[in-house]
Amino acid sequence: MPVSVWIWAALDPVLIAIAVTLGWRADQKGKIFIAAIAAFAVTLLVDWAFTAIGLPTLAPISQSGPTLFPVRAVAALVWAALGYGARRLSGR
């Protein structure tokens, strides 16, 4: 699998939107992990559904191709942590 697909899996717009939103709403550092897990799960479901109905995605999920779980999981954690940090920096 080319590295570009790994990058697209980490920059999935659904993953970013959900992870940053849930990270922003987290009121404790430990909840960043919960936000990342939730974002990871929802992103997999949305990308799988898009692939199943034939809509194009940046990093499609299929039985024949890799799903890039580690890349998506680490990206979800990073995006959730960025959302958490952004809220702390904004003073809210």
PDB file of N, CA and C in Angstrom:
ATOM      1  N   MET A   1       0.849  -1.165   0.000  1.00  0.00           N
ATOM      2  CA  MET A   1       0.000   0.000   0.000  1.00  0.00           C
ATOM      3  C   MET A   1       0.900   1.236   0.000  1.00  0.00           C
ATOM      4  N   PRO A   2       0.664   2.168  -0.906  1.00  0.00           N
ATOM      5  CA  PRO A   2       1.506   3.367  -0.955  1.00  0.00           C
ATOM      6  C   PRO A   2       1.339   4.244   0.297  1.00  0.00           C
ATOM      7  N   VAL A   3       2.381   4.962   0.600  1.00  0.00           N
ATOM      8  CA  VAL A   3       2.372   5.839   1.779  1.00  0.00           C
ATOM      9  C   VAL A   3       1.277   6.895   1.659  1.00  0.00           C
ATOM     10  N   SER A   4       0.941   7.297   0.456  1.00  0.00           N
ATOM     11  CA  SER A   4      -0.097   8.323   0.280  1.00  0.00           C
ATOM     12  C   SER A   4      -1.431   7.856   0.836  1.00  0.00           C
ATOM     13  N   VAL A   5      -1.737   6.572   0.742  1.00  0.00           N
ATOM     14  CA  VAL A   5      -2.986   6.058   1.302  1.00  0.00           C
ATOM     15  C   VAL A   5      -2.933   6.105   2.822  1.00  0.00           C
ATOM     16  N   TRP A   6      -1.778   5.873   3.393  1.00  0.00           N
ATOM     17  CA  TRP A   6      -1.623   5.981   4.846  1.00  0.00           C
ATOM     18  C   TRP A   6      -1.900   7.409   5.283  1.00  0.00           C
ATOM     19  N   ILE A   7      -1.375   8.352   4.536  1.00  0.00           N
ATOM     20  CA  ILE A   7      -1.589   9.764   4.877  1.00  0.00           C
ATOM     21  C   ILE A   7      -3.065  10.120   4.750  1.00  0.00           C
ATOM     22  N   TRP A   8      -3.714   9.650   3.675  1.00  0.00           N
ATOM     23  CA  TRP A   8      -5.144   9.930   3.508  1.00  0.00           C
ATOM     24  C   TRP A   8      -5.972   9.290   4.613  1.00  0.00           C
ATOM     25  N   ALA A   9      -5.573   8.130   5.095  1.00  0.00           N
ATOM     26  CA  ALA A   9      -6.294   7.488   6.199  1.00  0.00           C
ATOM     27  C   ALA A   9      -6.189   8.342   7.461  1.00  0.00           C
ATOM     28  N   ALA A  10      -5.051   8.968   7.691  1.00  0.00           N
ATOM     29  CA  ALA A  10      -4.866   9.824   8.865  1.00  0.00           C
ATOM     30  C   ALA A  10      -5.567  11.164   8.712  1.00  0.00           C
ATOM     31  N   LEU A  11      -5.765  11.608   7.465  1.00  0.00           N
ATOM     32  CA  LEU A  11      -6.400  12.903   7.208  1.00  0.00           C
ATOM     33  C   LEU A  11      -7.842  12.756   6.734  1.00  0.00           C
ATOM     34  N   ASP A  12      -8.481  11.665   7.120  1.00  0.00           N
ATOM     35  CA  ASP A  12      -9.878  11.424   6.765  1.00  0.00           C
ATOM     36  C   ASP A  12     -10.744  12.521   7.405  1.00  0.00           C
ATOM     37  N   PRO A  13     -11.536  13.245   6.618  1.00  0.00           N
ATOM     38  CA  PRO A  13     -12.320  14.358   7.168  1.00  0.00           C
ATOM     39  C   PRO A  13     -13.309  13.936   8.240  1.00  0.00           C
ATOM     40  N   VAL A  14     -13.883  12.748   8.109  1.00  0.00           N
ATOM     41  CA  VAL A  14     -14.822  12.268   9.130  1.00  0.00           C
ATOM     42  C   VAL A  14     -14.071  12.030  10.431  1.00  0.00           C
ATOM     43  N   LEU A  15     -12.911  11.417  10.339  1.00  0.00           N
ATOM     44  CA  LEU A  15     -12.088  11.156  11.522  1.00  0.00           C
ATOM     45  C   LEU A  15     -11.700  12.463  12.208  1.00  0.00           C
ATOM     46  N   ILE A  16     -11.265  13.419  11.429  1.00  0.00           N
ATOM     47  CA  ILE A  16     -10.839  14.698  11.995  1.00  0.00           C
ATOM     48  C   ILE A  16     -12.002  15.398  12.681  1.00  0.00           C
ATOM     49  N   ALA A  17     -13.140  15.475  12.009  1.00  0.00           N
ATOM     50  CA  ALA A  17     -14.297  16.190  12.572  1.00  0.00           C
ATOM     51  C   ALA A  17     -14.760  15.565  13.883  1.00  0.00           C
ATOM     52  N   ILE A  18     -14.870  14.267  13.914  1.00  0.00           N
ATOM     53  CA  ILE A  18     -15.366  13.604  15.123  1.00  0.00           C
ATOM     54  C   ILE A  18     -14.337  13.651  16.240  1.00  0.00           C
ATOM     55  N   ALA A  19     -13.086  13.365  15.932  1.00  0.00           N
ATOM     56  CA  ALA A  19     -12.051  13.341  16.970  1.00  0.00           C
ATOM     57  C   ALA A  19     -11.828  14.725  17.574  1.00  0.00           C
ATOM     58  N   VAL A  20     -11.764  15.744  16.743  1.00  0.00           N
ATOM     59  CA  VAL A  20     -11.550  17.098  17.270  1.00  0.00           C
ATOM     60  C   VAL A  20     -12.748  17.547  18.098  1.00  0.00           C
ATOM     61  N   THR A  21     -13.956  17.260  17.622  1.00  0.00           N
ATOM     62  CA  THR A  21     -15.162  17.647  18.371  1.00  0.00           C
ATOM     63  C   THR A  21     -15.217  16.950  19.723  1.00  0.00           C
ATOM     64  N   LEU A  22     -14.997  15.646  19.732  1.00  0.00           N
ATOM     65  CA  LEU A  22     -15.038  14.920  21.004  1.00  0.00           C
ATOM     66  C   LEU A  22     -13.862  15.297  21.904  1.00  0.00           C
ATOM     67  N   GLY A  23     -12.710  15.535  21.323  1.00  0.00           N
ATOM     68  CA  GLY A  23     -11.566  15.996  22.119  1.00  0.00           C
ATOM     69  C   GLY A  23     -11.828  17.360  22.724  1.00  0.00           C
ATOM     70  N   TRP A  24     -12.484  18.232  21.973  1.00  0.00           N
ATOM     71  CA  TRP A  24     -12.840  19.569  22.470  1.00  0.00           C
ATOM     72  C   TRP A  24     -13.772  19.458  23.674  1.00  0.00           C
ATOM     73  N   ARG A  25     -14.688  18.509  23.637  1.00  0.00           N
ATOM     74  CA  ARG A  25     -15.678  18.349  24.712  1.00  0.00           C
ATOM     75  C   ARG A  25     -15.154  17.579  25.910  1.00  0.00           C
ATOM     76  N   ALA A  26     -14.010  16.935  25.772  1.00  0.00           N
ATOM     77  CA  ALA A  26     -13.440  16.169  26.886  1.00  0.00           C
ATOM     78  C   ALA A  26     -13.022  17.118  28.003  1.00  0.00           C
ATOM     79  N   ASP A  27     -13.405  16.783  29.222  1.00  0.00           N
ATOM     80  CA  ASP A  27     -13.060  17.649  30.349  1.00  0.00           C
ATOM     81  C   ASP A  27     -11.916  17.087  31.198  1.00  0.00           C
ATOM     82  N   GLN A  28     -11.410  15.926  30.821  1.00  0.00           N
ATOM     83  CA  GLN A  28     -10.270  15.319  31.503  1.00  0.00           C
ATOM     84  C   GLN A  28      -9.359  14.688  30.453  1.00  0.00           C
ATOM     85  N   LYS A  29      -8.079  14.605  30.778  1.00  0.00           N
ATOM     86  CA  LYS A  29      -7.123  14.041  29.814  1.00  0.00           C
ATOM     87  C   LYS A  29      -7.441  12.594  29.469  1.00  0.00           C
ATOM     88  N   GLY A  30      -7.921  11.841  30.418  1.00  0.00           N
ATOM     89  CA  GLY A  30      -8.241  10.434  30.175  1.00  0.00           C
ATOM     90  C   GLY A  30      -9.347  10.246  29.156  1.00  0.00           C
ATOM     91  N   LYS A  31     -10.191  11.230  29.006  1.00  0.00           N
ATOM     92  CA  LYS A  31     -11.296  11.125  28.055  1.00  0.00           C
ATOM     93  C   LYS A  31     -10.853  11.330  26.616  1.00  0.00           C
ATOM     94  N   ILE A  32      -9.616  11.738  26.421  1.00  0.00           N
ATOM     95  CA  ILE A  32      -9.069  11.839  25.069  1.00  0.00           C
ATOM     96  C   ILE A  32      -9.049  10.451  24.430  1.00  0.00           C
ATOM     97  N   PHE A  33      -8.714   9.431  25.207  1.00  0.00           N
ATOM     98  CA  PHE A  33      -8.679   8.069  24.677  1.00  0.00           C
ATOM     99  C   PHE A  33     -10.074   7.592  24.292  1.00  0.00           C
ATOM    100  N   ILE A  34     -11.065   7.936  25.101  1.00  0.00           N
ATOM    101  CA  ILE A  34     -12.445   7.570  24.785  1.00  0.00           C
ATOM    102  C   ILE A  34     -12.902   8.286  23.520  1.00  0.00           C
ATOM    103  N   ALA A  35     -12.543   9.552  23.393  1.00  0.00           N
ATOM    104  CA  ALA A  35     -12.882  10.307  22.184  1.00  0.00           C
ATOM    105  C   ALA A  35     -12.218   9.697  20.961  1.00  0.00           C
ATOM    106  N   ALA A  36     -10.977   9.274  21.106  1.00  0.00           N
ATOM    107  CA  ALA A  36     -10.255   8.671  19.978  1.00  0.00           C
ATOM    108  C   ALA A  36     -10.882   7.341  19.574  1.00  0.00           C
ATOM    109  N   ILE A  37     -11.259   6.528  20.537  1.00  0.00           N
ATOM    110  CA  ILE A  37     -11.885   5.240  20.228  1.00  0.00           C
ATOM    111  C   ILE A  37     -13.223   5.450  19.529  1.00  0.00           C
ATOM    112  N   ALA A  38     -14.008   6.390  20.019  1.00  0.00           N
ATOM    113  CA  ALA A  38     -15.310   6.676  19.403  1.00  0.00           C
ATOM    114  C   ALA A  38     -15.134   7.202  17.976  1.00  0.00           C
ATOM    115  N   ALA A  39     -14.203   8.113  17.789  1.00  0.00           N
ATOM    116  CA  ALA A  39     -13.951   8.660  16.452  1.00  0.00           C
ATOM    117  C   ALA A  39     -13.459   7.564  15.507  1.00  0.00           C
ATOM    118  N   PHE A  40     -12.594   6.709  15.993  1.00  0.00           N
ATOM    119  CA  PHE A  40     -12.074   5.599  15.202  1.00  0.00           C
ATOM    120  C   PHE A  40     -13.206   4.675  14.757  1.00  0.00           C
ATOM    121  N   ALA A  41     -14.075   4.314  15.687  1.00  0.00           N
ATOM    122  CA  ALA A  41     -15.176   3.389  15.378  1.00  0.00           C
ATOM    123  C   ALA A  41     -16.159   4.004  14.388  1.00  0.00           C
ATOM    124  N   VAL A  42     -16.550   5.245  14.618  1.00  0.00           N
ATOM    125  CA  VAL A  42     -17.506   5.895  13.721  1.00  0.00           C
ATOM    126  C   VAL A  42     -16.896   6.074  12.332  1.00  0.00           C
ATOM    127  N   THR A  43     -15.652   6.439  12.271  1.00  0.00           N
ATOM    128  CA  THR A  43     -14.981   6.612  10.976  1.00  0.00           C
ATOM    129  C   THR A  43     -14.937   5.303  10.198  1.00  0.00           C
ATOM    130  N   LEU A  44     -14.638   4.215  10.875  1.00  0.00           N
ATOM    131  CA  LEU A  44     -14.626   2.922  10.186  1.00  0.00           C
ATOM    132  C   LEU A  44     -16.005   2.579   9.638  1.00  0.00           C
ATOM    133  N   LEU A  45     -17.042   2.828  10.430  1.00  0.00           N
ATOM    134  CA  LEU A  45     -18.400   2.537   9.965  1.00  0.00           C
ATOM    135  C   LEU A  45     -18.793   3.407   8.778  1.00  0.00           C
ATOM    136  N   VAL A  46     -18.482   4.687   8.840  1.00  0.00           N
ATOM    137  CA  VAL A  46     -18.832   5.603   7.748  1.00  0.00           C
ATOM    138  C   VAL A  46     -18.047   5.244   6.485  1.00  0.00           C
ATOM    139  N   ASP A  47     -16.755   5.022   6.610  1.00  0.00           N
ATOM    140  CA  ASP A  47     -15.945   4.668   5.440  1.00  0.00           C
ATOM    141  C   ASP A  47     -16.360   3.323   4.856  1.00  0.00           C
ATOM    142  N   TRP A  48     -16.686   2.364   5.717  1.00  0.00           N
ATOM    143  CA  TRP A  48     -17.165   1.075   5.234  1.00  0.00           C
ATOM    144  C   TRP A  48     -18.483   1.243   4.476  1.00  0.00           C
ATOM    145  N   ALA A  49     -19.405   2.051   5.022  1.00  0.00           N
ATOM    146  CA  ALA A  49     -20.687   2.281   4.359  1.00  0.00           C
ATOM    147  C   ALA A  49     -20.493   2.973   3.012  1.00  0.00           C
ATOM    148  N   PHE A  50     -19.631   3.974   2.970  1.00  0.00           N
ATOM    149  CA  PHE A  50     -19.354   4.665   1.705  1.00  0.00           C
ATOM    150  C   PHE A  50     -18.778   3.693   0.669  1.00  0.00           C
ATOM    151  N   THR A  51     -17.843   2.854   1.098  1.00  0.00           N
ATOM    152  CA  THR A  51     -17.237   1.890   0.193  1.00  0.00           C
ATOM    153  C   THR A  51     -18.276   0.863  -0.272  1.00  0.00           C
ATOM    154  N   ALA A  52     -19.154   0.446   0.634  1.00  0.00           N
ATOM    155  CA  ALA A  52     -20.159  -0.563   0.297  1.00  0.00           C
ATOM    156  C   ALA A  52     -21.156  -0.063  -0.743  1.00  0.00           C
ATOM    157  N   ILE A  53     -21.509   1.220  -0.677  1.00  0.00           N
ATOM    158  CA  ILE A  53     -22.482   1.735  -1.649  1.00  0.00           C
ATOM    159  C   ILE A  53     -21.807   2.332  -2.877  1.00  0.00           C
ATOM    160  N   GLY A  54     -20.492   2.328  -2.889  1.00  0.00           N
ATOM    161  CA  GLY A  54     -19.766   2.740  -4.076  1.00  0.00           C
ATOM    162  C   GLY A  54     -19.359   4.194  -4.132  1.00  0.00           C
ATOM    163  N   LEU A  55     -19.509   4.926  -3.042  1.00  0.00           N
ATOM    164  CA  LEU A  55     -19.044   6.314  -3.019  1.00  0.00           C
ATOM    165  C   LEU A  55     -17.531   6.340  -2.855  1.00  0.00           C
ATOM    166  N   PRO A  56     -16.872   7.275  -3.501  1.00  0.00           N
ATOM    167  CA  PRO A  56     -15.413   7.331  -3.371  1.00  0.00           C
ATOM    168  C   PRO A  56     -14.999   7.868  -1.998  1.00  0.00           C
ATOM    169  N   THR A  57     -13.971   7.290  -1.458  1.00  0.00           N
ATOM    170  CA  THR A  57     -13.391   7.759  -0.198  1.00  0.00           C
ATOM    171  C   THR A  57     -11.884   7.899  -0.389  1.00  0.00           C
ATOM    172  N   LEU A  58     -11.263   8.631   0.508  1.00  0.00           N
ATOM    173  CA  LEU A  58      -9.823   8.842   0.417  1.00  0.00           C
ATOM    174  C   LEU A  58      -9.033   7.568   0.704  1.00  0.00           C
ATOM    175  N   ALA A  59      -9.479   6.806   1.699  1.00  0.00           N
ATOM    176  CA  ALA A  59      -8.823   5.549   2.065  1.00  0.00           C
ATOM    177  C   ALA A  59      -9.914   4.496   2.243  1.00  0.00           C
ATOM    178  N   PRO A  60     -10.340   3.862   1.156  1.00  0.00           N
ATOM    179  CA  PRO A  60     -11.458   2.930   1.223  1.00  0.00           C
ATOM    180  C   PRO A  60     -11.160   1.703   2.084  1.00  0.00           C
ATOM    181  N   ILE A  61     -12.221   1.141   2.625  1.00  0.00           N
ATOM    182  CA  ILE A  61     -12.115  -0.060   3.429  1.00  0.00           C
ATOM    183  C   ILE A  61     -12.717  -1.200   2.612  1.00  0.00           C
ATOM    184  N   SER A  62     -11.946  -2.262   2.430  1.00  0.00           N
ATOM    185  CA  SER A  62     -12.446  -3.408   1.683  1.00  0.00           C
ATOM    186  C   SER A  62     -11.832  -4.682   2.241  1.00  0.00           C
ATOM    187  N   GLN A  63     -12.424  -5.810   1.852  1.00  0.00           N
ATOM    188  CA  GLN A  63     -11.886  -7.089   2.317  1.00  0.00           C
ATOM    189  C   GLN A  63     -10.541  -7.393   1.680  1.00  0.00           C
ATOM    190  N   SER A  64     -10.336  -6.921   0.475  1.00  0.00           N
ATOM    191  CA  SER A  64      -9.096  -7.240  -0.222  1.00  0.00           C
ATOM    192  C   SER A  64      -7.952  -6.283   0.103  1.00  0.00           C
ATOM    193  N   GLY A  65      -8.268  -5.097   0.623  1.00  0.00           N
ATOM    194  CA  GLY A  65      -7.237  -4.107   0.923  1.00  0.00           C
ATOM    195  C   GLY A  65      -7.049  -3.908   2.415  1.00  0.00           C
ATOM    196  N   PRO A  66      -5.942  -3.314   2.802  1.00  0.00           N
ATOM    197  CA  PRO A  66      -5.713  -3.055   4.221  1.00  0.00           C
ATOM    198  C   PRO A  66      -6.629  -1.945   4.738  1.00  0.00           C
ATOM    199  N   THR A  67      -7.045  -2.064   5.968  1.00  0.00           N
ATOM    200  CA  THR A  67      -7.915  -1.047   6.567  1.00  0.00           C
ATOM    201  C   THR A  67      -7.119   0.007   7.312  1.00  0.00           C
ATOM    202  N   LEU A  68      -5.839  -0.220   7.461  1.00  0.00           N
ATOM    203  CA  LEU A  68      -4.943   0.736   8.107  1.00  0.00           C
ATOM    204  C   LEU A  68      -5.401   1.091   9.525  1.00  0.00           C
ATOM    205  N   PHE A  69      -5.792   0.078  10.301  1.00  0.00           N
ATOM    206  CA  PHE A  69      -6.244   0.304  11.671  1.00  0.00           C
ATOM    207  C   PHE A  69      -5.233   1.079  12.513  1.00  0.00           C
ATOM    208  N   PRO A  70      -3.942   0.703  12.503  1.00  0.00           N
ATOM    209  CA  PRO A  70      -2.994   1.436  13.348  1.00  0.00           C
ATOM    210  C   PRO A  70      -2.887   2.910  12.969  1.00  0.00           C
ATOM    211  N   VAL A  71      -2.879   3.190  11.678  1.00  0.00           N
ATOM    212  CA  VAL A  71      -2.768   4.585  11.229  1.00  0.00           C
ATOM    213  C   VAL A  71      -3.995   5.370  11.665  1.00  0.00           C
ATOM    214  N   ARG A  72      -5.171   4.797  11.466  1.00  0.00           N
ATOM    215  CA  ARG A  72      -6.407   5.479  11.851  1.00  0.00           C
ATOM    216  C   ARG A  72      -6.505   5.669  13.371  1.00  0.00           C
ATOM    217  N   ALA A  73      -6.083   4.660  14.128  1.00  0.00           N
ATOM    218  CA  ALA A  73      -6.162   4.751  15.585  1.00  0.00           C
ATOM    219  C   ALA A  73      -5.224   5.835  16.128  1.00  0.00           C
ATOM    220  N   VAL A  74      -4.006   5.856  15.642  1.00  0.00           N
ATOM    221  CA  VAL A  74      -3.046   6.871  16.100  1.00  0.00           C
ATOM    222  C   VAL A  74      -3.512   8.265  15.668  1.00  0.00           C
ATOM    223  N   ALA A  75      -4.016   8.372  14.448  1.00  0.00           N
ATOM    224  CA  ALA A  75      -4.516   9.665  13.969  1.00  0.00           C
ATOM    225  C   ALA A  75      -5.695  10.140  14.811  1.00  0.00           C
ATOM    226  N   ALA A  76      -6.584   9.233  15.178  1.00  0.00           N
ATOM    227  CA  ALA A  76      -7.728   9.602  16.013  1.00  0.00           C
ATOM    228  C   ALA A  76      -7.251  10.131  17.361  1.00  0.00           C
ATOM    229  N   LEU A  77      -6.252   9.485  17.928  1.00  0.00           N
ATOM    230  CA  LEU A  77      -5.706   9.940  19.213  1.00  0.00           C
ATOM    231  C   LEU A  77      -5.056  11.314  19.084  1.00  0.00           C
ATOM    232  N   VAL A  78      -4.312  11.511  18.015  1.00  0.00           N
ATOM    233  CA  VAL A  78      -3.651  12.802  17.800  1.00  0.00           C
ATOM    234  C   VAL A  78      -4.686  13.909  17.599  1.00  0.00           C
ATOM    235  N   TRP A  79      -5.698  13.667  16.759  1.00  0.00           N
ATOM    236  CA  TRP A  79      -6.712  14.692  16.500  1.00  0.00           C
ATOM    237  C   TRP A  79      -7.531  14.999  17.752  1.00  0.00           C
ATOM    238  N   ALA A  80      -7.858  13.971  18.555  1.00  0.00           N
ATOM    239  CA  ALA A  80      -8.591  14.210  19.796  1.00  0.00           C
ATOM    240  C   ALA A  80      -7.743  15.022  20.776  1.00  0.00           C
ATOM    241  N   ALA A  81      -6.457  14.710  20.854  1.00  0.00           N
ATOM    242  CA  ALA A  81      -5.562  15.465  21.732  1.00  0.00           C
ATOM    243  C   ALA A  81      -5.429  16.917  21.270  1.00  0.00           C
ATOM    244  N   LEU A  82      -5.398  17.126  19.960  1.00  0.00           N
ATOM    245  CA  LEU A  82      -5.347  18.499  19.438  1.00  0.00           C
ATOM    246  C   LEU A  82      -6.628  19.267  19.764  1.00  0.00           C
ATOM    247  N   GLY A  83      -7.765  18.604  19.673  1.00  0.00           N
ATOM    248  CA  GLY A  83      -9.022  19.245  20.046  1.00  0.00           C
ATOM    249  C   GLY A  83      -9.049  19.602  21.530  1.00  0.00           C
ATOM    250  N   TYR A  84      -8.573  18.685  22.362  1.00  0.00           N
ATOM    251  CA  TYR A  84      -8.498  18.926  23.807  1.00  0.00           C
ATOM    252  C   TYR A  84      -7.557  20.100  24.105  1.00  0.00           C
ATOM    253  N   GLY A  85      -6.405  20.090  23.471  1.00  0.00           N
ATOM    254  CA  GLY A  85      -5.428  21.162  23.685  1.00  0.00           C
ATOM    255  C   GLY A  85      -5.918  22.507  23.183  1.00  0.00           C
ATOM    256  N   ALA A  86      -6.619  22.507  22.057  1.00  0.00           N
ATOM    257  CA  ALA A  86      -7.144  23.764  21.511  1.00  0.00           C
ATOM    258  C   ALA A  86      -8.162  24.390  22.460  1.00  0.00           C
ATOM    259  N   ARG A  87      -8.989  23.549  23.082  1.00  0.00           N
ATOM    260  CA  ARG A  87      -9.962  24.099  24.027  1.00  0.00           C
ATOM    261  C   ARG A  87      -9.252  24.678  25.253  1.00  0.00           C
ATOM    262  N   ARG A  88      -8.230  24.017  25.724  1.00  0.00           N
ATOM    263  CA  ARG A  88      -7.488  24.509  26.895  1.00  0.00           C
ATOM    264  C   ARG A  88      -6.791  25.826  26.559  1.00  0.00           C
ATOM    265  N   LEU A  89      -6.254  25.936  25.355  1.00  0.00           N
ATOM    266  CA  LEU A  89      -5.574  27.170  24.956  1.00  0.00           C
ATOM    267  C   LEU A  89      -6.546  28.331  24.743  1.00  0.00           C
ATOM    268  N   SER A  90      -7.779  28.006  24.348  1.00  0.00           N
ATOM    269  CA  SER A  90      -8.763  29.062  24.119  1.00  0.00           C
ATOM    270  C   SER A  90      -9.318  29.611  25.428  1.00  0.00           C
ATOM    271  N   GLY A  91      -9.117  28.893  26.515  1.00  0.00           N
ATOM    272  CA  GLY A  91      -9.572  29.367  27.819  1.00  0.00           C
ATOM    273  C   GLY A  91     -11.018  29.051  28.128  1.00  0.00           C
ATOM    274  N   ARG A  92     -11.617  28.173  27.382  1.00  0.00           N
ATOM    275  CA  ARG A  92     -13.020  27.798  27.652  1.00  0.00           C
ATOM    276  C   ARG A  92     -13.136  26.650  28.569  1.00  0.00           C
TER     277      ARG A  92
END
